[in-house]
Amino acid sequence: MEIEYRSNRSPIVTTLLIRQVYDISTETMLTHRQAIDKGYLDTELFIYVCAAISLPIHEAFQRGLILGELRTNTIERKISKKIFSQQESSDFEYDMMFSTLTNIVNSLSEFNNMIHIHDDCQITSDGLIHDEKTDKTYLLSEALDLGLVSFQNDFTQSTLVNQSENV
């Protein structure tokens, strides 16, 4: 499932490709079709609803409740002043969403700097860990348990120091 976000002010088009959706009640991942059928993804209001949680889809993606791929492209287009002024209020929502998605990309970069992925593994475009030796794919928590992913020493030490200061 793809959701496309466009701005009237900039030539940027952001596409969120949804691959899996987290079901909080069963603690399992669902396909986007299963999530729609169960009512977890509202395609008219573009919200994620599960248990007592209701979030815009892009925010659920940021929080890791939706796994997928974020693509950003630029397009060439001409906008008339009349259309621009009529849709100006919707740009506020786009700007918020674009800011949120930018934060996601920055957070992912920081995350990549904090972890060490075993040489035979890689992060897939939908955020899973793929073990090339066994050709199996794991959630991050499973990959940590299996030793396929570990935290960088600097991050672990600074986290432990920060946690001990808070106690």
N, C-alpha and C. Protein backbone atom coordinates (compact mmCIF):
# COMPACT_ATOMS: atom_id res chain seq x y z
N MET A 1 0.85 -1.16 0.00
CA MET A 1 0.00 0.00 0.00
C MET A 1 0.89 1.23 0.00
N GLU A 2 0.61 2.18 -0.87
CA GLU A 2 1.39 3.40 -0.96
C GLU A 2 0.53 4.61 -0.63
N ILE A 3 1.11 5.52 0.14
CA ILE A 3 0.46 6.79 0.45
C ILE A 3 1.40 7.87 -0.04
N GLU A 4 0.88 8.78 -0.83
CA GLU A 4 1.70 9.83 -1.40
C GLU A 4 1.34 11.17 -0.77
N TYR A 5 2.37 11.90 -0.33
CA TYR A 5 2.20 13.22 0.26
C TYR A 5 2.82 14.24 -0.68
N ARG A 6 2.05 15.27 -1.04
CA ARG A 6 2.54 16.32 -1.93
C ARG A 6 2.34 17.68 -1.29
N SER A 7 3.20 18.60 -1.66
CA SER A 7 3.09 19.96 -1.19
C SER A 7 2.80 20.88 -2.36
N ASN A 8 2.03 21.93 -2.08
CA ASN A 8 1.78 22.94 -3.11
C ASN A 8 2.93 23.93 -3.19
N ARG A 9 3.75 23.98 -2.16
CA ARG A 9 4.82 24.97 -2.10
C ARG A 9 6.16 24.45 -2.61
N SER A 10 6.39 23.17 -2.51
CA SER A 10 7.69 22.65 -2.93
C SER A 10 7.49 21.49 -3.89
N PRO A 11 8.51 21.21 -4.68
CA PRO A 11 8.39 20.12 -5.67
C PRO A 11 8.71 18.75 -5.09
N ILE A 12 8.51 18.59 -3.80
CA ILE A 12 8.85 17.33 -3.14
C ILE A 12 7.62 16.45 -3.02
N VAL A 13 7.79 15.19 -3.38
CA VAL A 13 6.75 14.19 -3.22
C VAL A 13 7.32 13.10 -2.32
N THR A 14 6.63 12.80 -1.25
CA THR A 14 7.07 11.77 -0.33
C THR A 14 6.07 10.62 -0.39
N THR A 15 6.57 9.42 -0.57
CA THR A 15 5.72 8.24 -0.66
C THR A 15 6.06 7.30 0.49
N LEU A 16 5.03 6.89 1.21
CA LEU A 16 5.19 5.91 2.27
C LEU A 16 4.63 4.59 1.76
N LEU A 17 5.49 3.59 1.62
CA LEU A 17 5.10 2.27 1.17
C LEU A 17 4.94 1.39 2.40
N ILE A 18 3.71 1.00 2.70
CA ILE A 18 3.42 0.22 3.90
C ILE A 18 3.52 -1.27 3.56
N ARG A 19 4.38 -1.97 4.31
CA ARG A 19 4.55 -3.41 4.10
C ARG A 19 3.88 -4.22 5.21
N GLN A 20 4.07 -3.80 6.47
CA GLN A 20 3.51 -4.54 7.59
C GLN A 20 3.00 -3.57 8.66
N VAL A 21 2.00 -4.05 9.41
CA VAL A 21 1.39 -3.25 10.47
C VAL A 21 1.38 -4.09 11.74
N TYR A 22 1.76 -3.46 12.85
CA TYR A 22 1.84 -4.16 14.13
C TYR A 22 0.47 -4.23 14.79
N ASP A 23 0.08 -5.44 15.17
CA ASP A 23 -1.17 -5.68 15.90
C ASP A 23 -0.81 -5.75 17.38
N ILE A 24 -1.13 -4.70 18.12
CA ILE A 24 -0.75 -4.60 19.54
C ILE A 24 -1.39 -5.72 20.36
N SER A 25 -2.64 -6.04 20.06
CA SER A 25 -3.35 -7.03 20.88
C SER A 25 -2.76 -8.43 20.76
N THR A 26 -2.28 -8.82 19.57
CA THR A 26 -1.69 -10.15 19.41
C THR A 26 -0.17 -10.12 19.33
N GLU A 27 0.41 -8.91 19.33
CA GLU A 27 1.84 -8.71 19.23
C GLU A 27 2.43 -9.42 18.00
N THR A 28 1.74 -9.26 16.88
CA THR A 28 2.20 -9.84 15.61
C THR A 28 2.16 -8.78 14.52
N MET A 29 2.87 -9.08 13.45
CA MET A 29 2.86 -8.19 12.29
C MET A 29 1.83 -8.71 11.29
N LEU A 30 1.09 -7.78 10.68
CA LEU A 30 0.09 -8.10 9.68
C LEU A 30 0.48 -7.46 8.35
N THR A 31 -0.01 -8.03 7.27
CA THR A 31 0.15 -7.36 5.98
C THR A 31 -0.75 -6.14 5.98
N HIS A 32 -0.51 -5.20 5.06
CA HIS A 32 -1.36 -4.01 5.02
C HIS A 32 -2.81 -4.40 4.71
N ARG A 33 -3.01 -5.42 3.91
CA ARG A 33 -4.38 -5.86 3.58
C ARG A 33 -5.09 -6.41 4.82
N GLN A 34 -4.40 -7.23 5.61
CA GLN A 34 -4.97 -7.75 6.84
C GLN A 34 -5.31 -6.61 7.80
N ALA A 35 -4.42 -5.62 7.89
CA ALA A 35 -4.64 -4.49 8.78
C ALA A 35 -5.86 -3.67 8.35
N ILE A 36 -6.05 -3.52 7.06
CA ILE A 36 -7.23 -2.80 6.56
C ILE A 36 -8.48 -3.61 6.86
N ASP A 37 -8.42 -4.92 6.60
CA ASP A 37 -9.58 -5.78 6.87
C ASP A 37 -9.97 -5.79 8.34
N LYS A 38 -8.98 -5.73 9.23
CA LYS A 38 -9.26 -5.73 10.67
C LYS A 38 -9.61 -4.33 11.20
N GLY A 39 -9.49 -3.32 10.34
CA GLY A 39 -9.83 -1.96 10.75
C GLY A 39 -8.70 -1.21 11.43
N TYR A 40 -7.47 -1.73 11.34
CA TYR A 40 -6.34 -1.05 11.97
C TYR A 40 -5.82 0.11 11.14
N LEU A 41 -6.03 0.06 9.83
CA LEU A 41 -5.67 1.16 8.95
C LEU A 41 -6.94 1.73 8.34
N ASP A 42 -7.20 2.99 8.60
CA ASP A 42 -8.35 3.68 8.01
C ASP A 42 -7.83 4.44 6.81
N THR A 43 -8.17 3.96 5.60
CA THR A 43 -7.63 4.55 4.39
C THR A 43 -8.35 5.83 3.97
N GLU A 44 -9.47 6.13 4.61
CA GLU A 44 -10.16 7.39 4.32
C GLU A 44 -9.61 8.52 5.19
N LEU A 45 -9.35 8.22 6.46
CA LEU A 45 -8.84 9.24 7.38
C LEU A 45 -7.32 9.18 7.53
N PHE A 46 -6.69 8.14 6.94
CA PHE A 46 -5.25 7.92 7.01
C PHE A 46 -4.77 7.87 8.46
N ILE A 47 -5.41 6.99 9.23
CA ILE A 47 -5.01 6.80 10.62
C ILE A 47 -4.81 5.32 10.91
N TYR A 48 -3.98 5.07 11.92
CA TYR A 48 -3.74 3.72 12.46
C TYR A 48 -4.53 3.65 13.75
N VAL A 49 -5.39 2.62 13.88
CA VAL A 49 -6.19 2.45 15.08
C VAL A 49 -6.04 1.01 15.54
N CYS A 50 -5.52 0.82 16.76
CA CYS A 50 -5.38 -0.51 17.32
C CYS A 50 -5.41 -0.38 18.83
N ALA A 51 -6.21 -1.23 19.46
CA ALA A 51 -6.41 -1.16 20.92
C ALA A 51 -6.88 0.25 21.26
N ALA A 52 -6.20 0.93 22.15
CA ALA A 52 -6.61 2.28 22.55
C ALA A 52 -5.77 3.36 21.85
N ILE A 53 -5.05 2.97 20.80
CA ILE A 53 -4.17 3.91 20.11
C ILE A 53 -4.80 4.33 18.79
N SER A 54 -4.76 5.63 18.53
CA SER A 54 -5.21 6.18 17.26
C SER A 54 -4.21 7.26 16.86
N LEU A 55 -3.49 7.01 15.75
CA LEU A 55 -2.44 7.92 15.29
C LEU A 55 -2.54 8.14 13.79
N PRO A 56 -2.11 9.30 13.31
CA PRO A 56 -1.95 9.45 11.86
C PRO A 56 -0.97 8.38 11.37
N ILE A 57 -1.16 7.91 10.16
CA ILE A 57 -0.33 6.83 9.63
C ILE A 57 1.15 7.18 9.67
N HIS A 58 1.52 8.41 9.30
CA HIS A 58 2.95 8.76 9.30
C HIS A 58 3.53 8.76 10.71
N GLU A 59 2.73 9.07 11.71
CA GLU A 59 3.22 9.03 13.09
C GLU A 59 3.37 7.58 13.57
N ALA A 60 2.44 6.72 13.17
CA ALA A 60 2.55 5.29 13.51
C ALA A 60 3.80 4.70 12.86
N PHE A 61 4.13 5.16 11.65
CA PHE A 61 5.34 4.73 10.97
C PHE A 61 6.57 5.18 11.77
N GLN A 62 6.54 6.43 12.23
CA GLN A 62 7.66 6.97 13.00
C GLN A 62 7.85 6.18 14.29
N ARG A 63 6.78 5.75 14.92
CA ARG A 63 6.87 5.02 16.18
C ARG A 63 7.16 3.54 15.99
N GLY A 64 7.23 3.06 14.76
CA GLY A 64 7.57 1.67 14.50
C GLY A 64 6.38 0.73 14.49
N LEU A 65 5.16 1.27 14.53
CA LEU A 65 3.97 0.43 14.49
C LEU A 65 3.63 0.02 13.06
N ILE A 66 4.18 0.74 12.12
CA ILE A 66 4.03 0.42 10.71
C ILE A 66 5.43 0.29 10.13
N LEU A 67 5.69 -0.82 9.45
CA LEU A 67 6.97 -1.02 8.79
C LEU A 67 6.79 -0.80 7.30
N GLY A 68 7.74 -0.15 6.72
CA GLY A 68 7.64 0.11 5.29
C GLY A 68 8.86 0.84 4.80
N GLU A 69 8.66 1.56 3.73
CA GLU A 69 9.75 2.26 3.07
C GLU A 69 9.30 3.68 2.78
N LEU A 70 10.20 4.60 3.00
CA LEU A 70 9.93 6.01 2.77
C LEU A 70 10.73 6.45 1.56
N ARG A 71 10.06 7.00 0.57
CA ARG A 71 10.73 7.47 -0.64
C ARG A 71 10.43 8.94 -0.82
N THR A 72 11.44 9.70 -1.19
CA THR A 72 11.26 11.11 -1.44
C THR A 72 11.79 11.42 -2.83
N ASN A 73 10.98 12.12 -3.61
CA ASN A 73 11.35 12.51 -4.96
C ASN A 73 11.01 13.97 -5.18
N THR A 74 11.56 14.53 -6.22
CA THR A 74 11.18 15.88 -6.61
C THR A 74 10.52 15.81 -7.97
N ILE A 75 9.62 16.73 -8.21
CA ILE A 75 8.92 16.78 -9.49
C ILE A 75 8.95 18.21 -10.02
N GLU A 76 8.81 18.34 -11.30
CA GLU A 76 8.68 19.65 -11.91
C GLU A 76 7.22 19.90 -12.17
N ARG A 77 6.76 21.09 -11.79
CA ARG A 77 5.37 21.41 -12.06
C ARG A 77 5.17 22.91 -11.95
N LYS A 78 4.10 23.34 -12.55
CA LYS A 78 3.74 24.75 -12.50
C LYS A 78 2.47 24.86 -11.69
N ILE A 79 2.46 25.80 -10.75
CA ILE A 79 1.30 25.98 -9.89
C ILE A 79 0.73 27.37 -10.12
N SER A 80 -0.55 27.43 -10.40
CA SER A 80 -1.17 28.73 -10.56
C SER A 80 -1.38 29.36 -9.20
N LYS A 81 -1.37 30.69 -9.14
CA LYS A 81 -1.54 31.39 -7.87
C LYS A 81 -2.89 31.09 -7.25
N LYS A 82 -3.90 30.89 -8.07
CA LYS A 82 -5.24 30.62 -7.56
C LYS A 82 -5.27 29.29 -6.79
N ILE A 83 -4.71 28.25 -7.35
CA ILE A 83 -4.66 26.95 -6.68
C ILE A 83 -3.81 27.05 -5.43
N PHE A 84 -2.70 27.77 -5.53
CA PHE A 84 -1.80 27.92 -4.39
C PHE A 84 -2.50 28.53 -3.19
N SER A 85 -3.23 29.58 -3.40
CA SER A 85 -3.87 30.25 -2.27
C SER A 85 -5.04 29.44 -1.70
N GLN A 86 -5.72 28.67 -2.54
CA GLN A 86 -6.83 27.87 -2.05
C GLN A 86 -6.37 26.70 -1.19
N GLN A 87 -5.22 26.16 -1.47
CA GLN A 87 -4.76 24.97 -0.77
C GLN A 87 -3.67 25.27 0.25
N GLU A 88 -3.48 26.53 0.57
CA GLU A 88 -2.41 26.93 1.47
C GLU A 88 -2.56 26.29 2.86
N SER A 89 -3.79 26.17 3.36
CA SER A 89 -3.98 25.61 4.70
C SER A 89 -3.57 24.15 4.76
N SER A 90 -3.74 23.40 3.67
CA SER A 90 -3.35 22.00 3.70
C SER A 90 -1.83 21.84 3.72
N ASP A 91 -1.10 22.89 3.32
CA ASP A 91 0.35 22.83 3.36
C ASP A 91 0.88 22.75 4.78
N PHE A 92 0.13 23.31 5.74
CA PHE A 92 0.56 23.22 7.13
C PHE A 92 0.65 21.76 7.55
N GLU A 93 -0.36 20.96 7.18
CA GLU A 93 -0.35 19.54 7.50
C GLU A 93 0.80 18.85 6.80
N TYR A 94 1.03 19.19 5.53
CA TYR A 94 2.13 18.59 4.79
C TYR A 94 3.46 18.95 5.45
N ASP A 95 3.62 20.23 5.83
CA ASP A 95 4.86 20.66 6.46
C ASP A 95 5.11 19.89 7.75
N MET A 96 4.05 19.69 8.55
CA MET A 96 4.19 18.91 9.78
C MET A 96 4.59 17.48 9.46
N MET A 97 3.91 16.88 8.48
CA MET A 97 4.20 15.50 8.10
C MET A 97 5.62 15.40 7.54
N PHE A 98 6.03 16.35 6.71
CA PHE A 98 7.36 16.32 6.12
C PHE A 98 8.42 16.47 7.21
N SER A 99 8.15 17.33 8.18
CA SER A 99 9.07 17.51 9.30
C SER A 99 9.19 16.21 10.10
N THR A 100 8.05 15.55 10.33
CA THR A 100 8.05 14.27 11.05
C THR A 100 8.85 13.23 10.28
N LEU A 101 8.64 13.14 8.98
CA LEU A 101 9.36 12.16 8.16
C LEU A 101 10.85 12.47 8.11
N THR A 102 11.21 13.75 8.10
CA THR A 102 12.62 14.12 8.15
C THR A 102 13.24 13.67 9.46
N ASN A 103 12.49 13.83 10.56
CA ASN A 103 12.97 13.36 11.87
C ASN A 103 13.16 11.84 11.86
N ILE A 104 12.28 11.12 11.16
CA ILE A 104 12.41 9.67 11.07
C ILE A 104 13.72 9.31 10.38
N VAL A 105 13.99 9.96 9.25
CA VAL A 105 15.21 9.67 8.50
C VAL A 105 16.43 9.98 9.36
N ASN A 106 16.41 11.11 10.07
CA ASN A 106 17.54 11.46 10.95
C ASN A 106 17.68 10.45 12.08
N SER A 107 16.56 10.02 12.65
CA SER A 107 16.60 9.03 13.73
C SER A 107 17.16 7.71 13.23
N LEU A 108 16.80 7.32 12.01
CA LEU A 108 17.33 6.08 11.45
C LEU A 108 18.84 6.16 11.25
N SER A 109 19.32 7.33 10.85
CA SER A 109 20.77 7.51 10.70
C SER A 109 21.46 7.36 12.04
N GLU A 110 20.89 8.00 13.08
CA GLU A 110 21.46 7.86 14.42
C GLU A 110 21.41 6.41 14.87
N PHE A 111 20.29 5.74 14.59
CA PHE A 111 20.14 4.34 14.97
C PHE A 111 21.22 3.49 14.32
N ASN A 112 21.47 3.71 13.03
CA ASN A 112 22.51 2.95 12.33
C ASN A 112 23.87 3.16 12.95
N ASN A 113 24.11 4.35 13.52
CA ASN A 113 25.39 4.62 14.17
C ASN A 113 25.49 3.97 15.55
N MET A 114 24.36 3.62 16.14
CA MET A 114 24.35 3.05 17.49
C MET A 114 24.47 1.53 17.49
N ILE A 115 24.17 0.88 16.39
CA ILE A 115 24.16 -0.57 16.39
C ILE A 115 25.27 -1.13 15.50
N HIS A 116 25.62 -2.38 15.78
CA HIS A 116 26.55 -3.11 14.92
C HIS A 116 25.79 -4.31 14.38
N ILE A 117 25.74 -4.41 13.07
CA ILE A 117 25.06 -5.53 12.42
C ILE A 117 26.12 -6.54 11.98
N HIS A 118 25.91 -7.80 12.32
CA HIS A 118 26.82 -8.89 11.96
C HIS A 118 27.12 -8.79 10.46
N ASP A 119 28.34 -9.15 10.07
CA ASP A 119 28.77 -9.01 8.68
C ASP A 119 27.89 -9.74 7.67
N ASP A 120 27.27 -10.84 8.07
CA ASP A 120 26.44 -11.61 7.15
C ASP A 120 24.99 -11.12 7.12
N CYS A 121 24.71 -9.99 7.77
CA CYS A 121 23.34 -9.49 7.85
C CYS A 121 23.25 -8.06 7.33
N GLN A 122 22.03 -7.66 7.01
CA GLN A 122 21.80 -6.29 6.58
C GLN A 122 20.37 -5.88 6.94
N ILE A 123 20.15 -4.57 7.05
CA ILE A 123 18.81 -4.05 7.30
C ILE A 123 18.09 -3.96 5.96
N THR A 124 16.88 -4.49 5.91
CA THR A 124 16.09 -4.41 4.69
C THR A 124 15.40 -3.06 4.62
N SER A 125 14.81 -2.74 3.48
CA SER A 125 14.15 -1.45 3.30
C SER A 125 12.94 -1.31 4.21
N ASP A 126 12.40 -2.41 4.71
CA ASP A 126 11.26 -2.31 5.62
C ASP A 126 11.65 -2.49 7.08
N GLY A 127 12.96 -2.34 7.39
CA GLY A 127 13.41 -2.29 8.77
C GLY A 127 13.67 -3.62 9.43
N LEU A 128 13.67 -4.70 8.69
CA LEU A 128 13.94 -6.01 9.26
C LEU A 128 15.42 -6.34 9.06
N ILE A 129 15.89 -7.34 9.80
CA ILE A 129 17.28 -7.78 9.68
C ILE A 129 17.31 -9.08 8.88
N HIS A 130 18.02 -9.07 7.76
CA HIS A 130 18.10 -10.24 6.88
C HIS A 130 19.45 -10.92 7.08
N ASP A 131 19.41 -12.21 7.44
CA ASP A 131 20.61 -13.03 7.60
C ASP A 131 20.86 -13.71 6.26
N GLU A 132 21.93 -13.29 5.59
CA GLU A 132 22.23 -13.82 4.26
C GLU A 132 22.66 -15.28 4.28
N LYS A 133 23.24 -15.76 5.40
CA LYS A 133 23.65 -17.16 5.48
C LYS A 133 22.45 -18.09 5.48
N THR A 134 21.45 -17.76 6.29
CA THR A 134 20.26 -18.62 6.42
C THR A 134 19.12 -18.16 5.53
N ASP A 135 19.25 -16.97 4.95
CA ASP A 135 18.21 -16.36 4.12
C ASP A 135 16.90 -16.16 4.89
N LYS A 136 17.04 -15.90 6.21
CA LYS A 136 15.88 -15.63 7.04
C LYS A 136 15.88 -14.15 7.42
N THR A 137 14.68 -13.64 7.71
CA THR A 137 14.52 -12.25 8.08
C THR A 137 13.92 -12.17 9.48
N TYR A 138 14.45 -11.26 10.30
CA TYR A 138 14.04 -11.16 11.69
C TYR A 138 13.66 -9.73 12.06
N LEU A 139 12.79 -9.61 13.06
CA LEU A 139 12.54 -8.32 13.69
C LEU A 139 13.80 -7.95 14.46
N LEU A 140 13.99 -6.68 14.75
CA LEU A 140 15.18 -6.23 15.46
C LEU A 140 15.33 -6.94 16.80
N SER A 141 14.24 -7.09 17.55
CA SER A 141 14.33 -7.74 18.86
C SER A 141 14.81 -9.20 18.73
N GLU A 142 14.34 -9.89 17.69
CA GLU A 142 14.77 -11.27 17.46
C GLU A 142 16.25 -11.30 17.08
N ALA A 143 16.66 -10.36 16.22
CA ALA A 143 18.06 -10.30 15.78
C ALA A 143 18.98 -10.01 16.96
N LEU A 144 18.54 -9.17 17.89
CA LEU A 144 19.33 -8.90 19.10
C LEU A 144 19.49 -10.17 19.93
N ASP A 145 18.37 -10.90 20.12
CA ASP A 145 18.40 -12.15 20.89
C ASP A 145 19.32 -13.19 20.25
N LEU A 146 19.36 -13.22 18.92
CA LEU A 146 20.17 -14.20 18.20
C LEU A 146 21.63 -13.76 18.05
N GLY A 147 21.94 -12.53 18.46
CA GLY A 147 23.31 -12.03 18.35
C GLY A 147 23.67 -11.54 16.97
N LEU A 148 22.70 -11.34 16.11
CA LEU A 148 22.97 -10.84 14.76
C LEU A 148 23.17 -9.33 14.77
N VAL A 149 22.68 -8.68 15.82
CA VAL A 149 22.79 -7.24 15.98
C VAL A 149 23.22 -6.97 17.43
N SER A 150 24.10 -6.00 17.61
CA SER A 150 24.49 -5.60 18.96
C SER A 150 24.65 -4.09 18.97
N PHE A 151 24.69 -3.53 20.16
CA PHE A 151 24.88 -2.10 20.28
C PHE A 151 26.37 -1.79 20.23
N GLN A 152 26.71 -0.64 19.63
CA GLN A 152 28.10 -0.19 19.59
C GLN A 152 28.56 0.05 21.01
N ASN A 153 29.82 -0.16 21.30
CA ASN A 153 30.37 0.00 22.66
C ASN A 153 30.15 1.40 23.19
N ASP A 154 30.39 2.42 22.38
CA ASP A 154 30.25 3.80 22.84
C ASP A 154 28.83 4.07 23.29
N PHE A 155 27.85 3.61 22.51
CA PHE A 155 26.45 3.83 22.86
C PHE A 155 26.10 3.11 24.15
N THR A 156 26.51 1.85 24.28
CA THR A 156 26.17 1.06 25.45
C THR A 156 26.77 1.69 26.71
N GLN A 157 28.02 2.10 26.64
CA GLN A 157 28.66 2.69 27.80
C GLN A 157 28.00 4.01 28.19
N SER A 158 27.71 4.88 27.21
CA SER A 158 27.09 6.16 27.54
C SER A 158 25.68 5.96 28.06
N THR A 159 24.96 4.96 27.54
CA THR A 159 23.62 4.68 28.02
C THR A 159 23.67 4.19 29.45
N LEU A 160 24.61 3.30 29.76
CA LEU A 160 24.74 2.78 31.12
C LEU A 160 25.10 3.89 32.09
N VAL A 161 25.98 4.81 31.68
CA VAL A 161 26.35 5.92 32.55
C VAL A 161 25.16 6.82 32.79
N ASN A 162 24.40 7.14 31.73
CA ASN A 162 23.21 7.98 31.86
C ASN A 162 22.17 7.33 32.75
N GLN A 163 21.98 6.02 32.61
CA GLN A 163 20.98 5.32 33.42
C GLN A 163 21.40 5.30 34.88
N SER A 164 22.69 5.13 35.15
CA SER A 164 23.15 5.09 36.53
C SER A 164 23.06 6.48 37.19
N GLU A 165 23.21 7.54 36.40
CA GLU A 165 23.06 8.89 36.93
C GLU A 165 21.62 9.18 37.32
N ASN A 166 20.66 8.58 36.61
CA ASN A 166 19.26 8.81 36.87
C ASN A 166 18.75 8.06 38.09
N VAL A 167 19.49 7.06 38.55
CA VAL A 167 19.05 6.24 39.67
C VAL A 167 19.32 6.92 41.00
